[in-house]
Amino acid sequence: TMRTWIHPRGQVDLPTVRTLFAPDMGPFFVRTTAISVENT
């Protein structure tokens, strides 16, 4: 699965990434295990 942030220039928005990140919280929530960037 994917969740996304929006940037008009496709840049890294680290403050938003921090708010999106989901640690392992047991068998209730999807866990974030990777962050993807595209360059260019």
PDB file of all heavy atoms in Angstrom:
ATOM      1  N   THR A   1       0.845  -1.190   0.000  1.00  0.00           N
ATOM      2  CA  THR A   1       0.000   0.000   0.000  1.00  0.00           C
ATOM      3  C   THR A   1       0.882   1.242   0.000  1.00  0.00           C
ATOM      4  O   THR A   1       2.078   1.178   0.283  1.00  0.00           O
ATOM      5  CB  THR A   1      -0.941   0.033   1.216  1.00  0.00           C
ATOM      6  OG1 THR A   1      -0.172   0.156   2.417  1.00  0.00           O
ATOM      7  CG2 THR A   1      -1.784  -1.237   1.283  1.00  0.00           C
ATOM      8  N   MET A   2       0.283   2.381  -0.351  1.00  0.00           N
ATOM      9  CA  MET A   2       1.020   3.646  -0.424  1.00  0.00           C
ATOM     10  C   MET A   2       0.228   4.749   0.253  1.00  0.00           C
ATOM     11  O   MET A   2      -0.999   4.767   0.185  1.00  0.00           O
ATOM     12  CB  MET A   2       1.255   4.064  -1.883  1.00  0.00           C
ATOM     13  CG  MET A   2       2.110   3.138  -2.692  1.00  0.00           C
ATOM     14  SD  MET A   2       2.351   3.783  -4.377  1.00  0.00           S
ATOM     15  CE  MET A   2       3.273   2.417  -5.098  1.00  0.00           C
ATOM     16  N   ARG A   3       0.947   5.660   0.889  1.00  0.00           N
ATOM     17  CA  ARG A   3       0.397   6.967   1.237  1.00  0.00           C
ATOM     18  C   ARG A   3       1.348   8.024   0.693  1.00  0.00           C
ATOM     19  O   ARG A   3       2.545   7.761   0.537  1.00  0.00           O
ATOM     20  CB  ARG A   3       0.181   7.113   2.740  1.00  0.00           C
ATOM     21  CG  ARG A   3      -1.085   6.400   3.220  1.00  0.00           C
ATOM     22  CD  ARG A   3      -1.391   6.705   4.666  1.00  0.00           C
ATOM     23  NE  ARG A   3      -0.305   6.262   5.525  1.00  0.00           N
ATOM     24  CZ  ARG A   3       0.059   6.915   6.638  1.00  0.00           C
ATOM     25  NH1 ARG A   3      -0.528   8.054   6.989  1.00  0.00           N
ATOM     26  NH2 ARG A   3       1.051   6.435   7.379  1.00  0.00           N
ATOM     27  N   THR A   4       0.809   9.208   0.432  1.00  0.00           N
ATOM     28  CA  THR A   4       1.581  10.186  -0.331  1.00  0.00           C
ATOM     29  C   THR A   4       1.539  11.576   0.292  1.00  0.00           C
ATOM     30  O   THR A   4       0.614  11.926   1.020  1.00  0.00           O
ATOM     31  CB  THR A   4       1.038  10.291  -1.766  1.00  0.00           C
ATOM     32  OG1 THR A   4      -0.321  10.753  -1.731  1.00  0.00           O
ATOM     33  CG2 THR A   4       1.089   8.943  -2.474  1.00  0.00           C
ATOM     34  N   TRP A   5       2.573  12.341  -0.033  1.00  0.00           N
ATOM     35  CA  TRP A   5       2.562  13.777   0.215  1.00  0.00           C
ATOM     36  C   TRP A   5       2.520  14.477  -1.140  1.00  0.00           C
ATOM     37  O   TRP A   5       2.833  13.872  -2.166  1.00  0.00           O
ATOM     38  CB  TRP A   5       3.777  14.214   1.031  1.00  0.00           C
ATOM     39  CG  TRP A   5       5.103  14.158   0.324  1.00  0.00           C
ATOM     40  CD1 TRP A   5       5.693  15.136  -0.411  1.00  0.00           C
ATOM     41  CD2 TRP A   5       6.020  13.038   0.290  1.00  0.00           C
ATOM     42  NE1 TRP A   5       6.914  14.723  -0.909  1.00  0.00           N
ATOM     43  CE2 TRP A   5       7.147  13.446  -0.490  1.00  0.00           C
ATOM     44  CE3 TRP A   5       6.010  11.762   0.839  1.00  0.00           C
ATOM     45  CZ2 TRP A   5       8.228  12.600  -0.716  1.00  0.00           C
ATOM     46  CZ3 TRP A   5       7.095  10.926   0.605  1.00  0.00           C
ATOM     47  CH2 TRP A   5       8.175  11.340  -0.170  1.00  0.00           C
ATOM     48  N   ILE A   6       2.150  15.733  -1.161  1.00  0.00           N
ATOM     49  CA  ILE A   6       2.018  16.488  -2.404  1.00  0.00           C
ATOM     50  C   ILE A   6       3.024  17.629  -2.419  1.00  0.00           C
ATOM     51  O   ILE A   6       3.116  18.400  -1.453  1.00  0.00           O
ATOM     52  CB  ILE A   6       0.588  17.056  -2.571  1.00  0.00           C
ATOM     53  CG1 ILE A   6      -0.433  15.910  -2.658  1.00  0.00           C
ATOM     54  CG2 ILE A   6       0.492  17.949  -3.810  1.00  0.00           C
ATOM     55  CD1 ILE A   6      -1.872  16.391  -2.697  1.00  0.00           C
ATOM     56  N   HIS A   7       3.770  17.707  -3.507  1.00  0.00           N
ATOM     57  CA  HIS A   7       4.681  18.833  -3.714  1.00  0.00           C
ATOM     58  C   HIS A   7       4.675  19.166  -5.202  1.00  0.00           C
ATOM     59  O   HIS A   7       4.861  18.273  -6.025  1.00  0.00           O
ATOM     60  CB  HIS A   7       6.091  18.491  -3.258  1.00  0.00           C
ATOM     61  CG  HIS A   7       6.997  19.682  -3.167  1.00  0.00           C
ATOM     62  ND1 HIS A   7       7.486  20.336  -4.289  1.00  0.00           N
ATOM     63  CD2 HIS A   7       7.494  20.361  -2.091  1.00  0.00           C
ATOM     64  CE1 HIS A   7       8.239  21.349  -3.912  1.00  0.00           C
ATOM     65  NE2 HIS A   7       8.265  21.396  -2.591  1.00  0.00           N
ATOM     66  N   PRO A   8       4.454  20.434  -5.583  1.00  0.00           N
ATOM     67  CA  PRO A   8       4.340  20.776  -7.006  1.00  0.00           C
ATOM     68  C   PRO A   8       5.600  20.495  -7.804  1.00  0.00           C
ATOM     69  O   PRO A   8       5.538  20.344  -9.031  1.00  0.00           O
ATOM     70  CB  PRO A   8       4.019  22.278  -6.987  1.00  0.00           C
ATOM     71  CG  PRO A   8       4.476  22.759  -5.644  1.00  0.00           C
ATOM     72  CD  PRO A   8       4.255  21.611  -4.726  1.00  0.00           C
ATOM     73  N   ARG A   9       6.752  20.399  -7.127  1.00  0.00           N
ATOM     74  CA  ARG A   9       8.010  20.096  -7.809  1.00  0.00           C
ATOM     75  C   ARG A   9       8.512  18.699  -7.462  1.00  0.00           C
ATOM     76  O   ARG A   9       9.664  18.369  -7.716  1.00  0.00           O
ATOM     77  CB  ARG A   9       9.067  21.139  -7.454  1.00  0.00           C
ATOM     78  CG  ARG A   9       8.767  22.540  -7.988  1.00  0.00           C
ATOM     79  CD  ARG A   9       9.236  22.685  -9.422  1.00  0.00           C
ATOM     80  NE  ARG A   9      10.688  22.692  -9.522  1.00  0.00           N
ATOM     81  CZ  ARG A   9      11.356  22.561 -10.664  1.00  0.00           C
ATOM     82  NH1 ARG A   9      10.701  22.394 -11.794  1.00  0.00           N
ATOM     83  NH2 ARG A   9      12.683  22.576 -10.683  1.00  0.00           N
ATOM     84  N   GLY A  10       7.659  17.880  -6.871  1.00  0.00           N
ATOM     85  CA  GLY A  10       8.030  16.513  -6.576  1.00  0.00           C
ATOM     86  C   GLY A  10       9.098  16.351  -5.514  1.00  0.00           C
ATOM     87  O   GLY A  10       9.718  15.291  -5.408  1.00  0.00           O
ATOM     88  N   GLN A  11       9.299  17.383  -4.709  1.00  0.00           N
ATOM     89  CA  GLN A  11      10.412  17.391  -3.764  1.00  0.00           C
ATOM     90  C   GLN A  11      10.088  16.621  -2.481  1.00  0.00           C
ATOM     91  O   GLN A  11       8.940  16.267  -2.207  1.00  0.00           O
ATOM     92  CB  GLN A  11      10.783  18.831  -3.414  1.00  0.00           C
ATOM     93  CG  GLN A  11      11.153  19.687  -4.615  1.00  0.00           C
ATOM     94  CD  GLN A  11      12.448  19.255  -5.269  1.00  0.00           C
ATOM     95  OE1 GLN A  11      13.485  19.158  -4.619  1.00  0.00           O
ATOM     96  NE2 GLN A  11      12.398  18.973  -6.561  1.00  0.00           N
ATOM     97  N   VAL A  12      11.121  16.379  -1.691  1.00  0.00           N
ATOM     98  CA  VAL A  12      10.957  15.765  -0.384  1.00  0.00           C
ATOM     99  C   VAL A  12      10.365  16.805   0.570  1.00  0.00           C
ATOM    100  O   VAL A  12      10.913  17.902   0.717  1.00  0.00           O
ATOM    101  CB  VAL A  12      12.305  15.271   0.166  1.00  0.00           C
ATOM    102  CG1 VAL A  12      12.140  14.743   1.591  1.00  0.00           C
ATOM    103  CG2 VAL A  12      12.895  14.206  -0.747  1.00  0.00           C
ATOM    104  N   ASP A  13       9.246  16.471   1.189  1.00  0.00           N
ATOM    105  CA  ASP A  13       8.630  17.332   2.206  1.00  0.00           C
ATOM    106  C   ASP A  13       8.797  16.616   3.540  1.00  0.00           C
ATOM    107  O   ASP A  13       7.910  15.883   3.984  1.00  0.00           O
ATOM    108  CB  ASP A  13       7.155  17.554   1.869  1.00  0.00           C
ATOM    109  CG  ASP A  13       6.459  18.497   2.842  1.00  0.00           C
ATOM    110  OD1 ASP A  13       7.035  18.788   3.909  1.00  0.00           O
ATOM    111  OD2 ASP A  13       5.325  18.918   2.544  1.00  0.00           O
ATOM    112  N   LEU A  14       9.946  16.811   4.156  1.00  0.00           N
ATOM    113  CA  LEU A  14      10.286  16.021   5.335  1.00  0.00           C
ATOM    114  C   LEU A  14       9.324  16.252   6.503  1.00  0.00           C
ATOM    115  O   LEU A  14       8.951  15.270   7.181  1.00  0.00           O
ATOM    116  CB  LEU A  14      11.732  16.299   5.751  1.00  0.00           C
ATOM    117  CG  LEU A  14      12.338  15.357   6.794  1.00  0.00           C
ATOM    118  CD1 LEU A  14      12.158  13.902   6.394  1.00  0.00           C
ATOM    119  CD2 LEU A  14      13.814  15.677   6.997  1.00  0.00           C
ATOM    120  N   PRO A  15       8.871  17.488   6.765  1.00  0.00           N
ATOM    121  CA  PRO A  15       7.896  17.638   7.857  1.00  0.00           C
ATOM    122  C   PRO A  15       6.630  16.807   7.640  1.00  0.00           C
ATOM    123  O   PRO A  15       6.108  16.202   8.587  1.00  0.00           O
ATOM    124  CB  PRO A  15       7.596  19.145   7.848  1.00  0.00           C
ATOM    125  CG  PRO A  15       8.831  19.761   7.293  1.00  0.00           C
ATOM    126  CD  PRO A  15       9.309  18.805   6.247  1.00  0.00           C
ATOM    127  N   THR A  16       6.148  16.757   6.387  1.00  0.00           N
ATOM    128  CA  THR A  16       4.959  15.950   6.114  1.00  0.00           C
ATOM    129  C   THR A  16       5.268  14.465   6.201  1.00  0.00           C
ATOM    130  O   THR A  16       4.455  13.668   6.683  1.00  0.00           O
ATOM    131  CB  THR A  16       4.381  16.303   4.731  1.00  0.00           C
ATOM    132  OG1 THR A  16       4.073  17.700   4.692  1.00  0.00           O
ATOM    133  CG2 THR A  16       3.124  15.497   4.440  1.00  0.00           C
ATOM    134  N   VAL A  17       6.453  14.063   5.725  1.00  0.00           N
ATOM    135  CA  VAL A  17       6.853  12.658   5.843  1.00  0.00           C
ATOM    136  C   VAL A  17       6.830  12.239   7.307  1.00  0.00           C
ATOM    137  O   VAL A  17       6.369  11.130   7.645  1.00  0.00           O
ATOM    138  CB  VAL A  17       8.250  12.437   5.232  1.00  0.00           C
ATOM    139  CG1 VAL A  17       8.775  11.048   5.570  1.00  0.00           C
ATOM    140  CG2 VAL A  17       8.205  12.634   3.722  1.00  0.00           C
ATOM    141  N   ARG A  18       7.278  13.115   8.182  1.00  0.00           N
ATOM    142  CA  ARG A  18       7.285  12.789   9.610  1.00  0.00           C
ATOM    143  C   ARG A  18       5.868  12.548  10.119  1.00  0.00           C
ATOM    144  O   ARG A  18       5.633  11.648  10.945  1.00  0.00           O
ATOM    145  CB  ARG A  18       7.943  13.920  10.408  1.00  0.00           C
ATOM    146  CG  ARG A  18       9.443  14.045  10.226  1.00  0.00           C
ATOM    147  CD  ARG A  18      10.027  14.976  11.281  1.00  0.00           C
ATOM    148  NE  ARG A  18      11.463  15.144  11.146  1.00  0.00           N
ATOM    149  CZ  ARG A  18      12.044  16.192  10.582  1.00  0.00           C
ATOM    150  NH1 ARG A  18      11.302  17.190  10.102  1.00  0.00           N
ATOM    151  NH2 ARG A  18      13.360  16.272  10.489  1.00  0.00           N
ATOM    152  N   THR A  19       4.921  13.346   9.650  1.00  0.00           N
ATOM    153  CA  THR A  19       3.539  13.163  10.107  1.00  0.00           C
ATOM    154  C   THR A  19       2.899  11.918   9.502  1.00  0.00           C
ATOM    155  O   THR A  19       2.011  11.319  10.121  1.00  0.00           O
ATOM    156  CB  THR A  19       2.673  14.390   9.758  1.00  0.00           C
ATOM    157  OG1 THR A  19       2.537  14.511   8.335  1.00  0.00           O
ATOM    158  CG2 THR A  19       3.284  15.671  10.308  1.00  0.00           C
ATOM    159  N   LEU A  20       3.344  11.509   8.304  1.00  0.00           N
ATOM    160  CA  LEU A  20       2.787  10.324   7.660  1.00  0.00           C
ATOM    161  C   LEU A  20       3.348   9.031   8.238  1.00  0.00           C
ATOM    162  O   LEU A  20       2.668   7.999   8.232  1.00  0.00           O
ATOM    163  CB  LEU A  20       3.076  10.362   6.153  1.00  0.00           C
ATOM    164  CG  LEU A  20       2.328  11.394   5.315  1.00  0.00           C
ATOM    165  CD1 LEU A  20       2.880  11.405   3.892  1.00  0.00           C
ATOM    166  CD2 LEU A  20       0.832  11.098   5.292  1.00  0.00           C
ATOM    167  N   PHE A  21       4.584   9.068   8.688  1.00  0.00           N
ATOM    168  CA  PHE A  21       5.245   7.846   9.140  1.00  0.00           C
ATOM    169  C   PHE A  21       4.434   7.136  10.213  1.00  0.00           C
ATOM    170  O   PHE A  21       3.993   7.730  11.195  1.00  0.00           O
ATOM    171  CB  PHE A  21       6.638   8.170   9.684  1.00  0.00           C
ATOM    172  CG  PHE A  21       7.263   7.026  10.432  1.00  0.00           C
ATOM    173  CD1 PHE A  21       7.662   5.876   9.756  1.00  0.00           C
ATOM    174  CD2 PHE A  21       7.426   7.085  11.804  1.00  0.00           C
ATOM    175  CE1 PHE A  21       8.223   4.803  10.447  1.00  0.00           C
ATOM    176  CE2 PHE A  21       7.994   6.027  12.499  1.00  0.00           C
ATOM    177  CZ  PHE A  21       8.388   4.883  11.811  1.00  0.00           C
ATOM    178  N   ALA A  22       4.251   5.821  10.015  1.00  0.00           N
ATOM    179  CA  ALA A  22       3.505   4.996  10.967  1.00  0.00           C
ATOM    180  C   ALA A  22       4.399   3.870  11.455  1.00  0.00           C
ATOM    181  O   ALA A  22       4.761   2.977  10.676  1.00  0.00           O
ATOM    182  CB  ALA A  22       2.258   4.426  10.309  1.00  0.00           C
ATOM    183  N   PRO A  23       4.772   3.868  12.718  1.00  0.00           N
ATOM    184  CA  PRO A  23       5.593   2.780  13.250  1.00  0.00           C
ATOM    185  C   PRO A  23       4.760   1.510  13.418  1.00  0.00           C
ATOM    186  O   PRO A  23       3.553   1.502  13.185  1.00  0.00           O
ATOM    187  CB  PRO A  23       6.056   3.332  14.596  1.00  0.00           C
ATOM    188  CG  PRO A  23       4.948   4.259  15.011  1.00  0.00           C
ATOM    189  CD  PRO A  23       4.446   4.880  13.735  1.00  0.00           C
ATOM    190  N   ASP A  24       5.422   0.449  13.826  1.00  0.00           N
ATOM    191  CA  ASP A  24       4.727  -0.801  14.098  1.00  0.00           C
ATOM    192  C   ASP A  24       3.913  -0.633  15.376  1.00  0.00           C
ATOM    193  O   ASP A  24       4.467  -0.479  16.470  1.00  0.00           O
ATOM    194  CB  ASP A  24       5.749  -1.931  14.252  1.00  0.00           C
ATOM    195  CG  ASP A  24       5.080  -3.291  14.404  1.00  0.00           C
ATOM    196  OD1 ASP A  24       3.830  -3.343  14.437  1.00  0.00           O
ATOM    197  OD2 ASP A  24       5.812  -4.294  14.490  1.00  0.00           O
ATOM    198  N   MET A  25       2.574  -0.652  15.237  1.00  0.00           N
ATOM    199  CA  MET A  25       1.694  -0.472  16.393  1.00  0.00           C
ATOM    200  C   MET A  25       0.803  -1.691  16.605  1.00  0.00           C
ATOM    201  O   MET A  25      -0.329  -1.596  17.065  1.00  0.00           O
ATOM    202  CB  MET A  25       0.855   0.795  16.220  1.00  0.00           C
ATOM    203  CG  MET A  25       1.674   2.075  16.215  1.00  0.00           C
ATOM    204  SD  MET A  25       0.680   3.573  16.078  1.00  0.00           S
ATOM    205  CE  MET A  25       0.150   3.466  14.361  1.00  0.00           C
ATOM    206  N   GLY A  26       1.348  -2.850  16.220  1.00  0.00           N
ATOM    207  CA  GLY A  26       0.604  -4.076  16.448  1.00  0.00           C
ATOM    208  C   GLY A  26      -0.375  -4.378  15.327  1.00  0.00           C
ATOM    209  O   GLY A  26      -0.380  -3.713  14.283  1.00  0.00           O
ATOM    210  N   PRO A  27      -1.257  -5.353  15.516  1.00  0.00           N
ATOM    211  CA  PRO A  27      -2.132  -5.842  14.434  1.00  0.00           C
ATOM    212  C   PRO A  27      -3.375  -4.985  14.221  1.00  0.00           C
ATOM    213  O   PRO A  27      -4.485  -5.509  14.141  1.00  0.00           O
ATOM    214  CB  PRO A  27      -2.480  -7.256  14.915  1.00  0.00           C
ATOM    215  CG  PRO A  27      -2.498  -7.138  16.407  1.00  0.00           C
ATOM    216  CD  PRO A  27      -1.392  -6.159  16.745  1.00  0.00           C
ATOM    217  N   PHE A  28      -3.174  -3.650  14.150  1.00  0.00           N
ATOM    218  CA  PHE A  28      -4.306  -2.762  13.957  1.00  0.00           C
ATOM    219  C   PHE A  28      -4.080  -1.756  12.835  1.00  0.00           C
ATOM    220  O   PHE A  28      -5.034  -1.322  12.197  1.00  0.00           O
ATOM    221  CB  PHE A  28      -4.613  -1.983  15.247  1.00  0.00           C
ATOM    222  CG  PHE A  28      -4.848  -2.860  16.433  1.00  0.00           C
ATOM    223  CD1 PHE A  28      -3.851  -3.050  17.376  1.00  0.00           C
ATOM    224  CD2 PHE A  28      -6.066  -3.513  16.603  1.00  0.00           C
ATOM    225  CE1 PHE A  28      -4.064  -3.863  18.479  1.00  0.00           C
ATOM    226  CE2 PHE A  28      -6.291  -4.334  17.706  1.00  0.00           C
ATOM    227  CZ  PHE A  28      -5.284  -4.517  18.636  1.00  0.00           C
ATOM    228  N   PHE A  29      -2.831  -1.375  12.590  1.00  0.00           N
ATOM    229  CA  PHE A  29      -2.522  -0.301  11.661  1.00  0.00           C
ATOM    230  C   PHE A  29      -1.468  -0.746  10.651  1.00  0.00           C
ATOM    231  O   PHE A  29      -0.614  -1.581  10.954  1.00  0.00           O
ATOM    232  CB  PHE A  29      -2.012   0.934  12.405  1.00  0.00           C
ATOM    233  CG  PHE A  29      -2.993   1.476  13.412  1.00  0.00           C
ATOM    234  CD1 PHE A  29      -2.876   1.156  14.761  1.00  0.00           C
ATOM    235  CD2 PHE A  29      -4.046   2.280  13.007  1.00  0.00           C
ATOM    236  CE1 PHE A  29      -3.775   1.638  15.687  1.00  0.00           C
ATOM    237  CE2 PHE A  29      -4.957   2.772  13.932  1.00  0.00           C
ATOM    238  CZ  PHE A  29      -4.833   2.453  15.275  1.00  0.00           C
ATOM    239  N   VAL A  30      -1.532  -0.127   9.478  1.00  0.00           N
ATOM    240  CA  VAL A  30      -0.515  -0.388   8.454  1.00  0.00           C
ATOM    241  C   VAL A  30       0.810   0.242   8.900  1.00  0.00           C
ATOM    242  O   VAL A  30       0.842   1.386   9.357  1.00  0.00           O
ATOM    243  CB  VAL A  30      -0.947   0.196   7.094  1.00  0.00           C
ATOM    244  CG1 VAL A  30       0.157   0.024   6.057  1.00  0.00           C
ATOM    245  CG2 VAL A  30      -2.223  -0.475   6.614  1.00  0.00           C
ATOM    246  N   ARG A  31       1.872  -0.495   8.720  1.00  0.00           N
ATOM    247  CA  ARG A  31       3.201  -0.045   9.154  1.00  0.00           C
ATOM    248  C   ARG A  31       3.985   0.509   7.967  1.00  0.00           C
ATOM    249  O   ARG A  31       4.015  -0.087   6.892  1.00  0.00           O
ATOM    250  CB  ARG A  31       3.952  -1.229   9.760  1.00  0.00           C
ATOM    251  CG  ARG A  31       5.403  -0.953  10.112  1.00  0.00           C
ATOM    252  CD  ARG A  31       6.092  -2.243  10.525  1.00  0.00           C
ATOM    253  NE  ARG A  31       7.522  -2.056  10.707  1.00  0.00           N
ATOM    254  CZ  ARG A  31       8.386  -3.056  10.866  1.00  0.00           C
ATOM    255  NH1 ARG A  31       7.950  -4.311  10.872  1.00  0.00           N
ATOM    256  NH2 ARG A  31       9.680  -2.817  11.023  1.00  0.00           N
ATOM    257  N   THR A  32       4.627   1.657   8.144  1.00  0.00           N
ATOM    258  CA  THR A  32       5.532   2.214   7.136  1.00  0.00           C
ATOM    259  C   THR A  32       6.873   1.491   7.211  1.00  0.00           C
ATOM    260  O   THR A  32       7.487   1.435   8.279  1.00  0.00           O
ATOM    261  CB  THR A  32       5.773   3.716   7.374  1.00  0.00           C
ATOM    262  OG1 THR A  32       4.536   4.412   7.404  1.00  0.00           O
ATOM    263  CG2 THR A  32       6.658   4.294   6.285  1.00  0.00           C
ATOM    264  N   THR A  33       7.318   0.950   6.057  1.00  0.00           N
ATOM    265  CA  THR A  33       8.633   0.302   6.065  1.00  0.00           C
ATOM    266  C   THR A  33       9.601   0.900   5.047  1.00  0.00           C
ATOM    267  O   THR A  33      10.774   0.541   5.038  1.00  0.00           O
ATOM    268  CB  THR A  33       8.512  -1.209   5.813  1.00  0.00           C
ATOM    269  OG1 THR A  33       7.773  -1.431   4.620  1.00  0.00           O
ATOM    270  CG2 THR A  33       7.807  -1.901   6.974  1.00  0.00           C
ATOM    271  N   ALA A  34       9.106   1.809   4.193  1.00  0.00           N
ATOM    272  CA  ALA A  34      10.012   2.433   3.224  1.00  0.00           C
ATOM    273  C   ALA A  34       9.476   3.788   2.795  1.00  0.00           C
ATOM    274  O   ALA A  34       8.268   4.054   2.858  1.00  0.00           O
ATOM    275  CB  ALA A  34      10.215   1.541   2.004  1.00  0.00           C
ATOM    276  N   ILE A  35      10.388   4.618   2.360  1.00  0.00           N
ATOM    277  CA  ILE A  35      10.070   5.914   1.752  1.00  0.00           C
ATOM    278  C   ILE A  35      10.703   5.917   0.368  1.00  0.00           C
ATOM    279  O   ILE A  35      11.859   5.520   0.205  1.00  0.00           O
ATOM    280  CB  ILE A  35      10.616   7.077   2.598  1.00  0.00           C
ATOM    281  CG1 ILE A  35      10.078   7.009   4.031  1.00  0.00           C
ATOM    282  CG2 ILE A  35      10.260   8.423   1.950  1.00  0.00           C
ATOM    283  CD1 ILE A  35      10.806   7.921   5.007  1.00  0.00           C
ATOM    284  N   SER A  36       9.937   6.338  -0.628  1.00  0.00           N
ATOM    285  CA  SER A  36      10.434   6.348  -2.007  1.00  0.00           C
ATOM    286  C   SER A  36      10.560   7.778  -2.513  1.00  0.00           C
ATOM    287  O   SER A  36       9.682   8.619  -2.264  1.00  0.00           O
ATOM    288  CB  SER A  36       9.472   5.569  -2.913  1.00  0.00           C
ATOM    289  OG  SER A  36       9.905   5.629  -4.264  1.00  0.00           O
ATOM    290  N   VAL A  37      11.646   8.037  -3.233  1.00  0.00           N
ATOM    291  CA  VAL A  37      11.851   9.327  -3.881  1.00  0.00           C
ATOM    292  C   VAL A  37      12.175   9.087  -5.352  1.00  0.00           C
ATOM    293  O   VAL A  37      12.679   8.027  -5.715  1.00  0.00           O
ATOM    294  CB  VAL A  37      12.986  10.136  -3.209  1.00  0.00           C
ATOM    295  CG1 VAL A  37      12.561  10.598  -1.833  1.00  0.00           C
ATOM    296  CG2 VAL A  37      14.277   9.321  -3.134  1.00  0.00           C
ATOM    297  N   GLU A  38      11.874  10.069  -6.174  1.00  0.00           N
ATOM    298  CA  GLU A  38      12.108   9.962  -7.617  1.00  0.00           C
ATOM    299  C   GLU A  38      13.010  11.096  -8.063  1.00  0.00           C
ATOM    300  O   GLU A  38      12.684  12.276  -7.877  1.00  0.00           O
ATOM    301  CB  GLU A  38      10.774  10.027  -8.366  1.00  0.00           C
ATOM    302  CG  GLU A  38      10.894   9.836  -9.865  1.00  0.00           C
ATOM    303  CD  GLU A  38       9.531   9.847 -10.555  1.00  0.00           C
ATOM    304  OE1 GLU A  38       8.511   9.575  -9.895  1.00  0.00           O
ATOM    305  OE2 GLU A  38       9.495  10.152 -11.768  1.00  0.00           O
ATOM    306  N   ASN A  39      14.147  10.754  -8.662  1.00  0.00           N
ATOM    307  CA  ASN A  39      15.145  11.757  -9.016  1.00  0.00           C
ATOM    308  C   ASN A  39      15.800  11.393 -10.361  1.00  0.00           C
ATOM    309  O   ASN A  39      16.477  10.373 -10.442  1.00  0.00           O
ATOM    310  CB  ASN A  39      16.214  11.809  -7.914  1.00  0.00           C
ATOM    311  CG  ASN A  39      17.100  13.023  -8.007  1.00  0.00           C
ATOM    312  OD1 ASN A  39      16.722  14.050  -8.565  1.00  0.00           O
ATOM    313  ND2 ASN A  39      18.294  12.922  -7.451  1.00  0.00           N
ATOM    314  N   THR A  40      15.536  12.205 -11.406  1.00  0.00           N
ATOM    315  CA  THR A  40      14.695  13.375 -11.440  1.00  0.00           C
ATOM    316  C   THR A  40      13.227  12.969 -11.425  1.00  0.00           C
ATOM    317  O   THR A  40      12.894  11.829 -11.722  1.00  0.00           O
ATOM    318  CB  THR A  40      14.971  14.222 -12.698  1.00  0.00           C
ATOM    319  OG1 THR A  40      14.584  13.490 -13.874  1.00  0.00           O
ATOM    320  CG2 THR A  40      16.447  14.556 -12.814  1.00  0.00           C
TER     321      THR A  40
END
